[in-house]
Amino acid sequence: MAQTPLTKRGAETLRAELVRLKKVERPNVIEAIAEARAHGDLKENAEYHAAREQQGFIEGRIQELESSLANARIIDTAALGVQGKVVFGAHVTLLEDVEGAEEAQWQIVGDLESSIEDRRLAISAPLARALIGQEEGETVEVDTPKGKRVYEIVEVRYDGPS
């Protein structure tokens, strides 16, 4: 199985989720199943079936996280020793080449830790692929569903030592 790149922060977040699922969520659902069983007939017991379904989701997510973390390659951007160049884990400030465009900041991360809400862009995304290897001050063209977009790289930062 191929290694999956993760930032240090992303790996810590996934580990925390795994611990929460094992130590909090799993025991809670086991308790809910036991309580539902105590109510008698399981055939028409909606609480029991809902708890069993929730247990399946939790166990599936635990397996997914364990597998992902076992095959992860954790990359510490602070240790890479690159300055001004866009690499995995970098925080990139962009300006879209459109009048009135606002600056947007993204961190380039692994697919498992990407989140649009948190401004964490998956390395497999077209914009991230176009940015990798570029430097501050350069412009990149990206083919998007809405046509070609041009971005200027305003700033590149890296996480400091943790």
C-alpha atoms as a PDB file:
ATOM      1  CA  MET A   1       0.000   0.000   0.000  1.00  0.00           C
ATOM      2  CA  ALA A   2       1.311   3.437  -0.911  1.00  0.00           C
ATOM      3  CA  GLN A   3       2.220   5.859   1.822  1.00  0.00           C
ATOM      4  CA  THR A   4      -0.163   8.737   2.427  1.00  0.00           C
ATOM      5  CA  PRO A   5       1.412  12.131   3.158  1.00  0.00           C
ATOM      6  CA  LEU A   6       0.240  13.879   6.322  1.00  0.00           C
ATOM      7  CA  THR A   7       1.363  17.008   8.109  1.00  0.00           C
ATOM      8  CA  LYS A   8       2.375  16.682  11.744  1.00  0.00           C
ATOM      9  CA  ARG A   9      -0.784  18.530  12.763  1.00  0.00           C
ATOM     10  CA  GLY A  10      -2.945  16.312  10.550  1.00  0.00           C
ATOM     11  CA  ALA A  11      -1.492  13.139  12.057  1.00  0.00           C
ATOM     12  CA  GLU A  12      -2.098  14.480  15.578  1.00  0.00           C
ATOM     13  CA  THR A  13      -5.711  15.321  14.685  1.00  0.00           C
ATOM     14  CA  LEU A  14      -6.338  11.827  13.280  1.00  0.00           C
ATOM     15  CA  ARG A  15      -4.737  10.216  16.342  1.00  0.00           C
ATOM     16  CA  ALA A  16      -6.940  12.319  18.636  1.00  0.00           C
ATOM     17  CA  GLU A  17     -10.033  11.243  16.696  1.00  0.00           C
ATOM     18  CA  LEU A  18      -8.949   7.596  16.975  1.00  0.00           C
ATOM     19  CA  VAL A  19      -8.477   7.890  20.746  1.00  0.00           C
ATOM     20  CA  ARG A  20     -11.899   9.593  21.105  1.00  0.00           C
ATOM     21  CA  LEU A  21     -13.598   6.866  19.079  1.00  0.00           C
ATOM     22  CA  LYS A  22     -11.973   4.067  21.078  1.00  0.00           C
ATOM     23  CA  LYS A  23     -12.249   5.560  24.567  1.00  0.00           C
ATOM     24  CA  VAL A  24     -15.514   7.531  24.359  1.00  0.00           C
ATOM     25  CA  GLU A  25     -17.692   6.675  21.372  1.00  0.00           C
ATOM     26  CA  ARG A  26     -17.182   2.879  21.362  1.00  0.00           C
ATOM     27  CA  PRO A  27     -17.997   2.440  25.091  1.00  0.00           C
ATOM     28  CA  ASN A  28     -21.030   4.744  24.750  1.00  0.00           C
ATOM     29  CA  VAL A  29     -22.489   2.746  21.862  1.00  0.00           C
ATOM     30  CA  ILE A  30     -21.817  -0.553  23.641  1.00  0.00           C
ATOM     31  CA  GLU A  31     -23.713   0.807  26.644  1.00  0.00           C
ATOM     32  CA  ALA A  32     -26.583   1.962  24.381  1.00  0.00           C
ATOM     33  CA  ILE A  33     -26.799  -1.525  22.822  1.00  0.00           C
ATOM     34  CA  ALA A  34     -26.901  -3.162  26.260  1.00  0.00           C
ATOM     35  CA  GLU A  35     -29.615  -0.766  27.408  1.00  0.00           C
ATOM     36  CA  ALA A  36     -31.691  -1.364  24.271  1.00  0.00           C
ATOM     37  CA  ARG A  37     -31.351  -5.147  24.726  1.00  0.00           C
ATOM     38  CA  ALA A  38     -32.735  -4.789  28.221  1.00  0.00           C
ATOM     39  CA  HIS A  39     -35.963  -3.425  26.743  1.00  0.00           C
ATOM     40  CA  GLY A  40     -36.832  -6.833  25.337  1.00  0.00           C
ATOM     41  CA  ASP A  41     -37.883  -7.794  21.790  1.00  0.00           C
ATOM     42  CA  LEU A  42     -35.020  -6.831  19.471  1.00  0.00           C
ATOM     43  CA  LYS A  43     -36.989  -7.306  16.244  1.00  0.00           C
ATOM     44  CA  GLU A  44     -38.925  -4.082  16.572  1.00  0.00           C
ATOM     45  CA  ASN A  45     -36.537  -2.207  18.852  1.00  0.00           C
ATOM     46  CA  ALA A  46     -35.504   0.948  16.923  1.00  0.00           C
ATOM     47  CA  GLU A  47     -33.038   2.010  19.618  1.00  0.00           C
ATOM     48  CA  TYR A  48     -31.205  -1.291  19.325  1.00  0.00           C
ATOM     49  CA  HIS A  49     -30.992  -1.119  15.526  1.00  0.00           C
ATOM     50  CA  ALA A  50     -29.836   2.519  15.602  1.00  0.00           C
ATOM     51  CA  ALA A  51     -27.142   1.704  18.165  1.00  0.00           C
ATOM     52  CA  ARG A  52     -25.936  -1.295  16.129  1.00  0.00           C
ATOM     53  CA  GLU A  53     -25.774   0.872  13.007  1.00  0.00           C
ATOM     54  CA  GLN A  54     -23.813   3.529  14.921  1.00  0.00           C
ATOM     55  CA  GLN A  55     -21.467   0.807  16.180  1.00  0.00           C
ATOM     56  CA  GLY A  56     -20.806  -0.246  12.576  1.00  0.00           C
ATOM     57  CA  PHE A  57     -19.917   3.323  11.591  1.00  0.00           C
ATOM     58  CA  ILE A  58     -17.602   3.728  14.580  1.00  0.00           C
ATOM     59  CA  GLU A  59     -15.809   0.421  13.985  1.00  0.00           C
ATOM     60  CA  GLY A  60     -15.426   1.234  10.288  1.00  0.00           C
ATOM     61  CA  ARG A  61     -13.938   4.655  11.064  1.00  0.00           C
ATOM     62  CA  ILE A  62     -11.562   3.124  13.632  1.00  0.00           C
ATOM     63  CA  GLN A  63     -10.299   0.656  11.019  1.00  0.00           C
ATOM     64  CA  GLU A  64      -9.944   3.438   8.434  1.00  0.00           C
ATOM     65  CA  LEU A  65      -7.958   5.651  10.831  1.00  0.00           C
ATOM     66  CA  GLU A  66      -5.704   2.813  11.999  1.00  0.00           C
ATOM     67  CA  SER A  67      -4.931   1.848   8.414  1.00  0.00           C
ATOM     68  CA  SER A  68      -4.333   5.448   7.340  1.00  0.00           C
ATOM     69  CA  LEU A  69      -2.016   6.184  10.254  1.00  0.00           C
ATOM     70  CA  ALA A  70      -0.116   2.928   9.729  1.00  0.00           C
ATOM     71  CA  ASN A  71       0.521   3.889   6.102  1.00  0.00           C
ATOM     72  CA  ALA A  72       1.130   7.595   6.724  1.00  0.00           C
ATOM     73  CA  ARG A  73       4.299   9.446   5.893  1.00  0.00           C
ATOM     74  CA  ILE A  74       4.421  12.361   8.298  1.00  0.00           C
ATOM     75  CA  ILE A  75       6.147  15.383   6.813  1.00  0.00           C
ATOM     76  CA  ASP A  76       7.420  18.147   9.100  1.00  0.00           C
ATOM     77  CA  THR A  77       7.566  21.296   6.970  1.00  0.00           C
ATOM     78  CA  ALA A  78       9.775  23.072   9.510  1.00  0.00           C
ATOM     79  CA  ALA A  79      12.481  20.458   8.891  1.00  0.00           C
ATOM     80  CA  LEU A  80      12.417  20.719   5.087  1.00  0.00           C
ATOM     81  CA  GLY A  81      14.692  23.760   4.979  1.00  0.00           C
ATOM     82  CA  VAL A  82      13.077  25.481   1.996  1.00  0.00           C
ATOM     83  CA  GLN A  83      12.368  29.195   1.917  1.00  0.00           C
ATOM     84  CA  GLY A  84       9.785  30.891  -0.255  1.00  0.00           C
ATOM     85  CA  LYS A  85       8.980  27.731  -2.215  1.00  0.00           C
ATOM     86  CA  VAL A  86       5.598  26.028  -2.149  1.00  0.00           C
ATOM     87  CA  VAL A  87       5.962  22.492  -0.762  1.00  0.00           C
ATOM     88  CA  PHE A  88       3.693  20.038   1.016  1.00  0.00           C
ATOM     89  CA  GLY A  89       2.499  21.579   4.286  1.00  0.00           C
ATOM     90  CA  ALA A  90       3.202  25.183   3.287  1.00  0.00           C
ATOM     91  CA  HIS A  91       0.748  27.975   4.006  1.00  0.00           C
ATOM     92  CA  VAL A  92       0.271  29.915   0.782  1.00  0.00           C
ATOM     93  CA  THR A  93      -1.313  33.345   0.426  1.00  0.00           C
ATOM     94  CA  LEU A  94      -2.764  33.849  -3.046  1.00  0.00           C
ATOM     95  CA  LEU A  95      -4.263  36.733  -4.945  1.00  0.00           C
ATOM     96  CA  GLU A  96      -6.556  35.834  -7.803  1.00  0.00           C
ATOM     97  CA  ASP A  97      -5.766  37.866 -10.909  1.00  0.00           C
ATOM     98  CA  VAL A  98      -9.140  39.585 -10.919  1.00  0.00           C
ATOM     99  CA  GLU A  99      -9.865  43.208 -10.047  1.00  0.00           C
ATOM    100  CA  GLY A 100     -11.118  43.519  -6.511  1.00  0.00           C
ATOM    101  CA  ALA A 101      -9.995  39.987  -5.631  1.00  0.00           C
ATOM    102  CA  GLU A 102      -9.185  39.375  -2.004  1.00  0.00           C
ATOM    103  CA  GLU A 103      -6.210  37.438  -0.733  1.00  0.00           C
ATOM    104  CA  ALA A 104      -6.892  33.830   0.157  1.00  0.00           C
ATOM    105  CA  GLN A 105      -4.709  31.655   2.356  1.00  0.00           C
ATOM    106  CA  TRP A 106      -4.453  27.872   1.999  1.00  0.00           C
ATOM    107  CA  GLN A 107      -2.331  25.181   3.566  1.00  0.00           C
ATOM    108  CA  ILE A 108      -1.381  22.314   1.279  1.00  0.00           C
ATOM    109  CA  VAL A 109      -2.058  19.065   3.146  1.00  0.00           C
ATOM    110  CA  GLY A 110      -2.719  15.368   2.590  1.00  0.00           C
ATOM    111  CA  ASP A 111      -6.039  14.166   1.241  1.00  0.00           C
ATOM    112  CA  LEU A 112      -7.076  12.769   4.645  1.00  0.00           C
ATOM    113  CA  GLU A 113      -6.758  16.110   6.392  1.00  0.00           C
ATOM    114  CA  SER A 114      -8.130  18.485   3.758  1.00  0.00           C
ATOM    115  CA  SER A 115     -10.968  20.809   4.743  1.00  0.00           C
ATOM    116  CA  ILE A 116     -12.377  23.689   2.743  1.00  0.00           C
ATOM    117  CA  GLU A 117     -13.786  25.270   5.935  1.00  0.00           C
ATOM    118  CA  ASP A 118     -10.345  25.232   7.577  1.00  0.00           C
ATOM    119  CA  ARG A 119      -8.623  26.415   4.372  1.00  0.00           C
ATOM    120  CA  ARG A 120      -6.638  23.148   4.096  1.00  0.00           C
ATOM    121  CA  LEU A 121      -6.213  22.191   0.436  1.00  0.00           C
ATOM    122  CA  ALA A 122      -5.619  18.544  -0.560  1.00  0.00           C
ATOM    123  CA  ILE A 123      -2.349  17.940  -2.375  1.00  0.00           C
ATOM    124  CA  SER A 124      -4.312  16.156  -5.096  1.00  0.00           C
ATOM    125  CA  ALA A 125      -6.410  19.272  -5.852  1.00  0.00           C
ATOM    126  CA  PRO A 126      -5.622  21.005  -9.170  1.00  0.00           C
ATOM    127  CA  LEU A 127      -4.702  24.275  -7.436  1.00  0.00           C
ATOM    128  CA  ALA A 128      -2.304  22.535  -5.046  1.00  0.00           C
ATOM    129  CA  ARG A 129      -0.659  20.597  -7.884  1.00  0.00           C
ATOM    130  CA  ALA A 130      -0.158  23.864  -9.791  1.00  0.00           C
ATOM    131  CA  LEU A 131       1.364  25.584  -6.743  1.00  0.00           C
ATOM    132  CA  ILE A 132       3.874  22.884  -5.739  1.00  0.00           C
ATOM    133  CA  GLY A 133       7.410  23.930  -6.634  1.00  0.00           C
ATOM    134  CA  GLN A 134       6.500  27.566  -7.327  1.00  0.00           C
ATOM    135  CA  GLU A 135       7.932  30.512  -5.374  1.00  0.00           C
ATOM    136  CA  GLU A 136       6.710  33.768  -3.862  1.00  0.00           C
ATOM    137  CA  GLY A 137       5.933  36.373  -6.516  1.00  0.00           C
ATOM    138  CA  GLU A 138       5.247  33.844  -9.273  1.00  0.00           C
ATOM    139  CA  THR A 139       1.900  33.389 -10.974  1.00  0.00           C
ATOM    140  CA  VAL A 140       0.223  30.093 -11.762  1.00  0.00           C
ATOM    141  CA  GLU A 141      -2.568  29.186 -14.165  1.00  0.00           C
ATOM    142  CA  VAL A 142      -5.094  26.618 -13.069  1.00  0.00           C
ATOM    143  CA  ASP A 143      -7.776  24.963 -15.183  1.00  0.00           C
ATOM    144  CA  THR A 144     -10.997  24.961 -13.174  1.00  0.00           C
ATOM    145  CA  PRO A 145     -14.583  24.057 -14.055  1.00  0.00           C
ATOM    146  CA  LYS A 146     -15.164  27.817 -14.483  1.00  0.00           C
ATOM    147  CA  GLY A 147     -12.250  28.141 -16.914  1.00  0.00           C
ATOM    148  CA  LYS A 148      -8.631  29.205 -16.489  1.00  0.00           C
ATOM    149  CA  ARG A 149      -7.793  31.082 -13.308  1.00  0.00           C
ATOM    150  CA  VAL A 150      -4.558  32.951 -12.671  1.00  0.00           C
ATOM    151  CA  TYR A 151      -3.190  33.314  -9.133  1.00  0.00           C
ATOM    152  CA  GLU A 152      -0.236  35.252  -7.793  1.00  0.00           C
ATOM    153  CA  ILE A 153       1.688  33.718  -4.895  1.00  0.00           C
ATOM    154  CA  VAL A 154       1.924  36.558  -2.376  1.00  0.00           C
ATOM    155  CA  GLU A 155       3.519  34.717   0.555  1.00  0.00           C
ATOM    156  CA  VAL A 156       4.700  31.245   1.529  1.00  0.00           C
ATOM    157  CA  ARG A 157       5.002  30.309   5.211  1.00  0.00           C
ATOM    158  CA  TYR A 158       5.822  27.108   7.068  1.00  0.00           C
ATOM    159  CA  ASP A 159       4.796  25.854  10.489  1.00  0.00           C
ATOM    160  CA  GLY A 160       7.390  26.545  13.133  1.00  0.00           C
ATOM    161  CA  PRO A 161       8.797  23.859  15.399  1.00  0.00           C
ATOM    162  CA  SER A 162       6.102  22.249  17.531  1.00  0.00           C
END
